[in-house]
Amino acid sequence: MPKAKITIRLKPTVLDAQGAVVKHALHRLGFDSVDDVHVGKYVELELAPGADEELVREMCQKLLANPVIEQYSITLSGEA
């Protein structure tokens, strides 16, 4: 069964407030070697045979990601 792995994160021009909070918390815990943090989403889909990247891209555009403020990458594999 094909599988799609989708990583979604904010575009570089959008302020990542959640990432800033995580970075601040890590610094307070003594992890000063962290320069920046980006928080995003990871979605994994098990697809029916014959589904292709174009179909997954359409899913991202219509539901999974907000194309105005987010960017995404798709990796397809043939293994379940």
PDB file of N, CA and C in Angstrom:
ATOM      1  N   MET A   1       0.847  -1.173   0.000  1.00  0.00           N
ATOM      2  CA  MET A   1       0.000   0.000   0.000  1.00  0.00           C
ATOM      3  C   MET A   1       0.896   1.241   0.000  1.00  0.00           C
ATOM      4  N   PRO A   2       0.668   2.170  -0.926  1.00  0.00           N
ATOM      5  CA  PRO A   2       1.492   3.387  -0.955  1.00  0.00           C
ATOM      6  C   PRO A   2       1.280   4.238   0.290  1.00  0.00           C
ATOM      7  N   LYS A   3       2.313   4.966   0.651  1.00  0.00           N
ATOM      8  CA  LYS A   3       2.253   5.837   1.821  1.00  0.00           C
ATOM      9  C   LYS A   3       2.790   7.215   1.421  1.00  0.00           C
ATOM     10  N   ALA A   4       2.129   8.256   1.893  1.00  0.00           N
ATOM     11  CA  ALA A   4       2.603   9.626   1.682  1.00  0.00           C
ATOM     12  C   ALA A   4       2.989  10.204   3.032  1.00  0.00           C
ATOM     13  N   LYS A   5       4.176  10.772   3.097  1.00  0.00           N
ATOM     14  CA  LYS A   5       4.651  11.452   4.303  1.00  0.00           C
ATOM     15  C   LYS A   5       4.741  12.933   3.972  1.00  0.00           C
ATOM     16  N   ILE A   6       4.033  13.756   4.742  1.00  0.00           N
ATOM     17  CA  ILE A   6       3.930  15.177   4.459  1.00  0.00           C
ATOM     18  C   ILE A   6       4.453  15.963   5.657  1.00  0.00           C
ATOM     19  N   THR A   7       5.394  16.847   5.401  1.00  0.00           N
ATOM     20  CA  THR A   7       5.920  17.744   6.424  1.00  0.00           C
ATOM     21  C   THR A   7       5.431  19.150   6.098  1.00  0.00           C
ATOM     22  N   ILE A   8       4.787  19.787   7.056  1.00  0.00           N
ATOM     23  CA  ILE A   8       4.204  21.114   6.864  1.00  0.00           C
ATOM     24  C   ILE A   8       4.840  22.067   7.868  1.00  0.00           C
ATOM     25  N   ARG A   9       5.310  23.207   7.383  1.00  0.00           N
ATOM     26  CA  ARG A   9       5.838  24.219   8.289  1.00  0.00           C
ATOM     27  C   ARG A   9       5.537  25.602   7.756  1.00  0.00           C
ATOM     28  N   LEU A  10       5.648  26.579   8.627  1.00  0.00           N
ATOM     29  CA  LEU A  10       5.371  27.946   8.227  1.00  0.00           C
ATOM     30  C   LEU A  10       6.378  28.414   7.178  1.00  0.00           C
ATOM     31  N   LYS A  11       5.933  29.271   6.289  1.00  0.00           N
ATOM     32  CA  LYS A  11       6.847  29.872   5.317  1.00  0.00           C
ATOM     33  C   LYS A  11       7.863  30.723   6.072  1.00  0.00           C
ATOM     34  N   PRO A  12       9.056  30.887   5.514  1.00  0.00           N
ATOM     35  CA  PRO A  12      10.104  31.647   6.216  1.00  0.00           C
ATOM     36  C   PRO A  12       9.709  33.087   6.548  1.00  0.00           C
ATOM     37  N   THR A  13       8.781  33.660   5.801  1.00  0.00           N
ATOM     38  CA  THR A  13       8.379  35.053   6.044  1.00  0.00           C
ATOM     39  C   THR A  13       7.332  35.189   7.143  1.00  0.00           C
ATOM     40  N   VAL A  14       6.834  34.062   7.691  1.00  0.00           N
ATOM     41  CA  VAL A  14       5.798  34.091   8.723  1.00  0.00           C
ATOM     42  C   VAL A  14       6.442  33.862  10.089  1.00  0.00           C
ATOM     43  N   LEU A  15       6.096  34.701  11.048  1.00  0.00           N
ATOM     44  CA  LEU A  15       6.630  34.567  12.405  1.00  0.00           C
ATOM     45  C   LEU A  15       6.162  33.260  13.027  1.00  0.00           C
ATOM     46  N   ASP A  16       7.100  32.464  13.510  1.00  0.00           N
ATOM     47  CA  ASP A  16       6.790  31.189  14.160  1.00  0.00           C
ATOM     48  C   ASP A  16       6.766  31.414  15.678  1.00  0.00           C
ATOM     49  N   ALA A  17       5.627  31.882  16.175  1.00  0.00           N
ATOM     50  CA  ALA A  17       5.502  32.211  17.598  1.00  0.00           C
ATOM     51  C   ALA A  17       5.698  30.977  18.473  1.00  0.00           C
ATOM     52  N   GLN A  18       5.171  29.832  18.047  1.00  0.00           N
ATOM     53  CA  GLN A  18       5.325  28.604  18.829  1.00  0.00           C
ATOM     54  C   GLN A  18       6.792  28.189  18.877  1.00  0.00           C
ATOM     55  N   GLY A  19       7.492  28.326  17.771  1.00  0.00           N
ATOM     56  CA  GLY A  19       8.921  28.022  17.747  1.00  0.00           C
ATOM     57  C   GLY A  19       9.703  28.923  18.685  1.00  0.00           C
ATOM     58  N   ALA A  20       9.326  30.211  18.743  1.00  0.00           N
ATOM     59  CA  ALA A  20      10.002  31.160  19.632  1.00  0.00           C
ATOM     60  C   ALA A  20       9.797  30.779  21.095  1.00  0.00           C
ATOM     61  N   VAL A  21       8.592  30.323  21.451  1.00  0.00           N
ATOM     62  CA  VAL A  21       8.312  29.910  22.826  1.00  0.00           C
ATOM     63  C   VAL A  21       9.143  28.672  23.183  1.00  0.00           C
ATOM     64  N   VAL A  22       9.229  27.720  22.263  1.00  0.00           N
ATOM     65  CA  VAL A  22      10.021  26.512  22.521  1.00  0.00           C
ATOM     66  C   VAL A  22      11.496  26.871  22.666  1.00  0.00           C
ATOM     67  N   LYS A  23      11.989  27.748  21.796  1.00  0.00           N
ATOM     68  CA  LYS A  23      13.397  28.181  21.879  1.00  0.00           C
ATOM     69  C   LYS A  23      13.676  28.825  23.239  1.00  0.00           C
ATOM     70  N   HIS A  24      12.781  29.716  23.682  1.00  0.00           N
ATOM     71  CA  HIS A  24      12.949  30.382  24.971  1.00  0.00           C
ATOM     72  C   HIS A  24      12.960  29.357  26.113  1.00  0.00           C
ATOM     73  N   ALA A  25      12.053  28.390  26.060  1.00  0.00           N
ATOM     74  CA  ALA A  25      11.989  27.363  27.107  1.00  0.00           C
ATOM     75  C   ALA A  25      13.260  26.516  27.118  1.00  0.00           C
ATOM     76  N   LEU A  26      13.768  26.166  25.951  1.00  0.00           N
ATOM     77  CA  LEU A  26      15.008  25.389  25.894  1.00  0.00           C
ATOM     78  C   LEU A  26      16.173  26.174  26.490  1.00  0.00           C
ATOM     79  N   HIS A  27      16.234  27.465  26.187  1.00  0.00           N
ATOM     80  CA  HIS A  27      17.299  28.295  26.759  1.00  0.00           C
ATOM     81  C   HIS A  27      17.170  28.364  28.286  1.00  0.00           C
ATOM     82  N   ARG A  28      15.938  28.484  28.792  1.00  0.00           N
ATOM     83  CA  ARG A  28      15.733  28.524  30.248  1.00  0.00           C
ATOM     84  C   ARG A  28      16.155  27.217  30.908  1.00  0.00           C
ATOM     85  N   LEU A  29      16.075  26.119  30.161  1.00  0.00           N
ATOM     86  CA  LEU A  29      16.507  24.824  30.695  1.00  0.00           C
ATOM     87  C   LEU A  29      18.006  24.586  30.521  1.00  0.00           C
ATOM     88  N   GLY A  30      18.697  25.582  29.973  1.00  0.00           N
ATOM     89  CA  GLY A  30      20.141  25.478  29.846  1.00  0.00           C
ATOM     90  C   GLY A  30      20.638  25.002  28.487  1.00  0.00           C
ATOM     91  N   PHE A  31      19.756  24.844  27.533  1.00  0.00           N
ATOM     92  CA  PHE A  31      20.163  24.401  26.197  1.00  0.00           C
ATOM     93  C   PHE A  31      20.452  25.615  25.322  1.00  0.00           C
ATOM     94  N   ASP A  32      21.535  26.300  25.639  1.00  0.00           N
ATOM     95  CA  ASP A  32      21.884  27.548  24.958  1.00  0.00           C
ATOM     96  C   ASP A  32      22.433  27.339  23.549  1.00  0.00           C
ATOM     97  N   SER A  33      22.708  26.099  23.177  1.00  0.00           N
ATOM     98  CA  SER A  33      23.255  25.842  21.843  1.00  0.00           C
ATOM     99  C   SER A  33      22.175  25.856  20.759  1.00  0.00           C
ATOM    100  N   VAL A  34      20.906  26.020  21.139  1.00  0.00           N
ATOM    101  CA  VAL A  34      19.811  26.076  20.160  1.00  0.00           C
ATOM    102  C   VAL A  34      19.724  27.497  19.617  1.00  0.00           C
ATOM    103  N   ASP A  35      19.951  27.655  18.313  1.00  0.00           N
ATOM    104  CA  ASP A  35      19.886  28.976  17.686  1.00  0.00           C
ATOM    105  C   ASP A  35      18.480  29.347  17.247  1.00  0.00           C
ATOM    106  N   ASP A  36      17.711  28.385  16.783  1.00  0.00           N
ATOM    107  CA  ASP A  36      16.359  28.685  16.323  1.00  0.00           C
ATOM    108  C   ASP A  36      15.514  27.412  16.361  1.00  0.00           C
ATOM    109  N   VAL A  37      14.212  27.569  16.443  1.00  0.00           N
ATOM    110  CA  VAL A  37      13.280  26.446  16.492  1.00  0.00           C
ATOM    111  C   VAL A  37      12.148  26.719  15.506  1.00  0.00           C
ATOM    112  N   HIS A  38      11.785  25.725  14.751  1.00  0.00           N
ATOM    113  CA  HIS A  38      10.644  25.808  13.838  1.00  0.00           C
ATOM    114  C   HIS A  38       9.706  24.655  14.174  1.00  0.00           C
ATOM    115  N   VAL A  39       8.461  24.972  14.469  1.00  0.00           N
ATOM    116  CA  VAL A  39       7.468  23.963  14.816  1.00  0.00           C
ATOM    117  C   VAL A  39       6.539  23.790  13.621  1.00  0.00           C
ATOM    118  N   GLY A  40       6.263  22.537  13.282  1.00  0.00           N
ATOM    119  CA  GLY A  40       5.389  22.269  12.152  1.00  0.00           C
ATOM    120  C   GLY A  40       4.514  21.064  12.413  1.00  0.00           C
ATOM    121  N   LYS A  41       3.995  20.484  11.335  1.00  0.00           N
ATOM    122  CA  LYS A  41       3.120  19.313  11.431  1.00  0.00           C
ATOM    123  C   LYS A  41       3.691  18.207  10.545  1.00  0.00           C
ATOM    124  N   TYR A  42       3.428  16.983  10.927  1.00  0.00           N
ATOM    125  CA  TYR A  42       3.790  15.813  10.139  1.00  0.00           C
ATOM    126  C   TYR A  42       2.531  14.988   9.950  1.00  0.00           C
ATOM    127  N   VAL A  43       2.204  14.673   8.704  1.00  0.00           N
ATOM    128  CA  VAL A  43       1.015  13.895   8.389  1.00  0.00           C
ATOM    129  C   VAL A  43       1.445  12.687   7.569  1.00  0.00           C
ATOM    130  N   GLU A  44       0.942  11.524   7.920  1.00  0.00           N
ATOM    131  CA  GLU A  44       1.240  10.306   7.170  1.00  0.00           C
ATOM    132  C   GLU A  44      -0.077   9.724   6.676  1.00  0.00           C
ATOM    133  N   LEU A  45      -0.145   9.478   5.371  1.00  0.00           N
ATOM    134  CA  LEU A  45      -1.354   8.940   4.753  1.00  0.00           C
ATOM    135  C   LEU A  45      -1.060   7.573   4.149  1.00  0.00           C
ATOM    136  N   GLU A  46      -1.929   6.623   4.385  1.00  0.00           N
ATOM    137  CA  GLU A  46      -1.873   5.351   3.674  1.00  0.00           C
ATOM    138  C   GLU A  46      -2.855   5.476   2.521  1.00  0.00           C
ATOM    139  N   LEU A  47      -2.357   5.296   1.305  1.00  0.00           N
ATOM    140  CA  LEU A  47      -3.136   5.568   0.108  1.00  0.00           C
ATOM    141  C   LEU A  47      -3.578   4.297  -0.597  1.00  0.00           C
ATOM    142  N   ALA A  48      -4.659   4.421  -1.328  1.00  0.00           N
ATOM    143  CA  ALA A  48      -5.118   3.319  -2.169  1.00  0.00           C
ATOM    144  C   ALA A  48      -4.158   3.166  -3.348  1.00  0.00           C
ATOM    145  N   PRO A  49      -4.004   1.968  -3.877  1.00  0.00           N
ATOM    146  CA  PRO A  49      -3.146   1.769  -5.051  1.00  0.00           C
ATOM    147  C   PRO A  49      -3.566   2.716  -6.179  1.00  0.00           C
ATOM    148  N   GLY A  50      -2.591   3.279  -6.841  1.00  0.00           N
ATOM    149  CA  GLY A  50      -2.859   4.185  -7.948  1.00  0.00           C
ATOM    150  C   GLY A  50      -2.851   5.653  -7.568  1.00  0.00           C
ATOM    151  N   ALA A  51      -2.925   5.960  -6.279  1.00  0.00           N
ATOM    152  CA  ALA A  51      -2.871   7.359  -5.854  1.00  0.00           C
ATOM    153  C   ALA A  51      -1.469   7.895  -6.139  1.00  0.00           C
ATOM    154  N   ASP A  52      -1.397   9.150  -6.563  1.00  0.00           N
ATOM    155  CA  ASP A  52      -0.096   9.705  -6.927  1.00  0.00           C
ATOM    156  C   ASP A  52       0.174  11.016  -6.181  1.00  0.00           C
ATOM    157  N   GLU A  53       1.345  11.583  -6.426  1.00  0.00           N
ATOM    158  CA  GLU A  53       1.752  12.790  -5.720  1.00  0.00           C
ATOM    159  C   GLU A  53       0.828  13.959  -6.031  1.00  0.00           C
ATOM    160  N   GLU A  54       0.325  14.028  -7.244  1.00  0.00           N
ATOM    161  CA  GLU A  54      -0.584  15.122  -7.603  1.00  0.00           C
ATOM    162  C   GLU A  54      -1.844  15.095  -6.739  1.00  0.00           C
ATOM    163  N   LEU A  55      -2.362  13.917  -6.462  1.00  0.00           N
ATOM    164  CA  LEU A  55      -3.536  13.777  -5.600  1.00  0.00           C
ATOM    165  C   LEU A  55      -3.214  14.237  -4.177  1.00  0.00           C
ATOM    166  N   VAL A  56      -2.047  13.858  -3.673  1.00  0.00           N
ATOM    167  CA  VAL A  56      -1.632  14.270  -2.327  1.00  0.00           C
ATOM    168  C   VAL A  56      -1.426  15.782  -2.277  1.00  0.00           C
ATOM    169  N   ARG A  57      -0.856  16.349  -3.338  1.00  0.00           N
ATOM    170  CA  ARG A  57      -0.659  17.798  -3.408  1.00  0.00           C
ATOM    171  C   ARG A  57      -2.014  18.526  -3.347  1.00  0.00           C
ATOM    172  N   GLU A  58      -3.007  17.972  -4.031  1.00  0.00           N
ATOM    173  CA  GLU A  58      -4.348  18.551  -3.990  1.00  0.00           C
ATOM    174  C   GLU A  58      -4.925  18.493  -2.573  1.00  0.00           C
ATOM    175  N   MET A  59      -4.687  17.390  -1.860  1.00  0.00           N
ATOM    176  CA  MET A  59      -5.151  17.271  -0.479  1.00  0.00           C
ATOM    177  C   MET A  59      -4.506  18.346   0.395  1.00  0.00           C
ATOM    178  N   CYS A  60      -3.226  18.582   0.171  1.00  0.00           N
ATOM    179  CA  CYS A  60      -2.510  19.604   0.943  1.00  0.00           C
ATOM    180  C   CYS A  60      -3.086  20.987   0.658  1.00  0.00           C
ATOM    181  N   GLN A  61      -3.325  21.281  -0.612  1.00  0.00           N
ATOM    182  CA  GLN A  61      -3.841  22.594  -0.995  1.00  0.00           C
ATOM    183  C   GLN A  61      -5.243  22.845  -0.450  1.00  0.00           C
ATOM    184  N   LYS A  62      -6.064  21.797  -0.413  1.00  0.00           N
ATOM    185  CA  LYS A  62      -7.468  21.977  -0.019  1.00  0.00           C
ATOM    186  C   LYS A  62      -7.741  21.804   1.467  1.00  0.00           C
ATOM    187  N   LEU A  63      -6.882  21.039   2.186  1.00  0.00           N
ATOM    188  CA  LEU A  63      -7.206  20.752   3.583  1.00  0.00           C
ATOM    189  C   LEU A  63      -6.012  20.713   4.526  1.00  0.00           C
ATOM    190  N   LEU A  64      -4.976  19.988   4.176  1.00  0.00           N
ATOM    191  CA  LEU A  64      -3.924  19.678   5.140  1.00  0.00           C
ATOM    192  C   LEU A  64      -3.028  20.866   5.483  1.00  0.00           C
ATOM    193  N   ALA A  65      -2.810  21.765   4.534  1.00  0.00           N
ATOM    194  CA  ALA A  65      -1.936  22.912   4.765  1.00  0.00           C
ATOM    195  C   ALA A  65      -2.675  24.194   4.391  1.00  0.00           C
ATOM    196  N   ASN A  66      -2.249  25.286   4.958  1.00  0.00           N
ATOM    197  CA  ASN A  66      -2.755  26.599   4.578  1.00  0.00           C
ATOM    198  C   ASN A  66      -1.721  27.206   3.633  1.00  0.00           C
ATOM    199  N   PRO A  67      -1.958  27.165   2.321  1.00  0.00           N
ATOM    200  CA  PRO A  67      -0.940  27.604   1.368  1.00  0.00           C
ATOM    201  C   PRO A  67      -0.585  29.082   1.463  1.00  0.00           C
ATOM    202  N   VAL A  68      -1.382  29.866   2.172  1.00  0.00           N
ATOM    203  CA  VAL A  68      -1.070  31.284   2.338  1.00  0.00           C
ATOM    204  C   VAL A  68       0.127  31.464   3.274  1.00  0.00           C
ATOM    205  N   ILE A  69       0.186  30.653   4.349  1.00  0.00           N
ATOM    206  CA  ILE A  69       1.243  30.851   5.348  1.00  0.00           C
ATOM    207  C   ILE A  69       2.137  29.628   5.532  1.00  0.00           C
ATOM    208  N   GLU A  70       1.786  28.491   4.928  1.00  0.00           N
ATOM    209  CA  GLU A  70       2.558  27.266   5.142  1.00  0.00           C
ATOM    210  C   GLU A  70       3.127  26.730   3.832  1.00  0.00           C
ATOM    211  N   GLN A  71       4.232  26.033   3.972  1.00  0.00           N
ATOM    212  CA  GLN A  71       4.824  25.290   2.856  1.00  0.00           C
ATOM    213  C   GLN A  71       4.869  23.826   3.269  1.00  0.00           C
ATOM    214  N   TYR A  72       4.958  22.944   2.295  1.00  0.00           N
ATOM    215  CA  TYR A  72       4.957  21.523   2.627  1.00  0.00           C
ATOM    216  C   TYR A  72       5.839  20.764   1.654  1.00  0.00           C
ATOM    217  N   SER A  73       6.271  19.587   2.108  1.00  0.00           N
ATOM    218  CA  SER A  73       7.018  18.667   1.252  1.00  0.00           C
ATOM    219  C   SER A  73       6.364  17.301   1.360  1.00  0.00           C
ATOM    220  N   ILE A  74       6.401  16.566   0.256  1.00  0.00           N
ATOM    221  CA  ILE A  74       5.750  15.262   0.176  1.00  0.00           C
ATOM    222  C   ILE A  74       6.781  14.228  -0.207  1.00  0.00           C
ATOM    223  N   THR A  75       6.748  13.094   0.522  1.00  0.00           N
ATOM    224  CA  THR A  75       7.576  11.948   0.171  1.00  0.00           C
ATOM    225  C   THR A  75       6.645  10.756   0.010  1.00  0.00           C
ATOM    226  N   LEU A  76       6.711  10.103  -1.129  1.00  0.00           N
ATOM    227  CA  LEU A  76       5.897   8.921  -1.383  1.00  0.00           C
ATOM    228  C   LEU A  76       6.762   7.668  -1.296  1.00  0.00           C
ATOM    229  N   SER A  77       6.182   6.602  -0.758  1.00  0.00           N
ATOM    230  CA  SER A  77       6.871   5.320  -0.730  1.00  0.00           C
ATOM    231  C   SER A  77       5.859   4.242  -1.073  1.00  0.00           C
ATOM    232  N   GLY A  78       6.347   3.133  -1.561  1.00  0.00           N
ATOM    233  CA  GLY A  78       5.457   2.053  -1.954  1.00  0.00           C
ATOM    234  C   GLY A  78       5.183   1.059  -0.846  1.00  0.00           C
ATOM    235  N   GLU A  79       5.830   1.227   0.301  1.00  0.00           N
ATOM    236  CA  GLU A  79       5.688   0.280   1.406  1.00  0.00           C
ATOM    237  C   GLU A  79       4.711   0.796   2.444  1.00  0.00           C
ATOM    238  N   ALA A  80       4.020  -0.123   3.061  1.00  0.00           N
ATOM    239  CA  ALA A  80       3.093   0.258   4.139  1.00  0.00           C
ATOM    240  C   ALA A  80       3.814   0.342   5.460  1.00  0.00           C
TER     241      ALA A  80
END
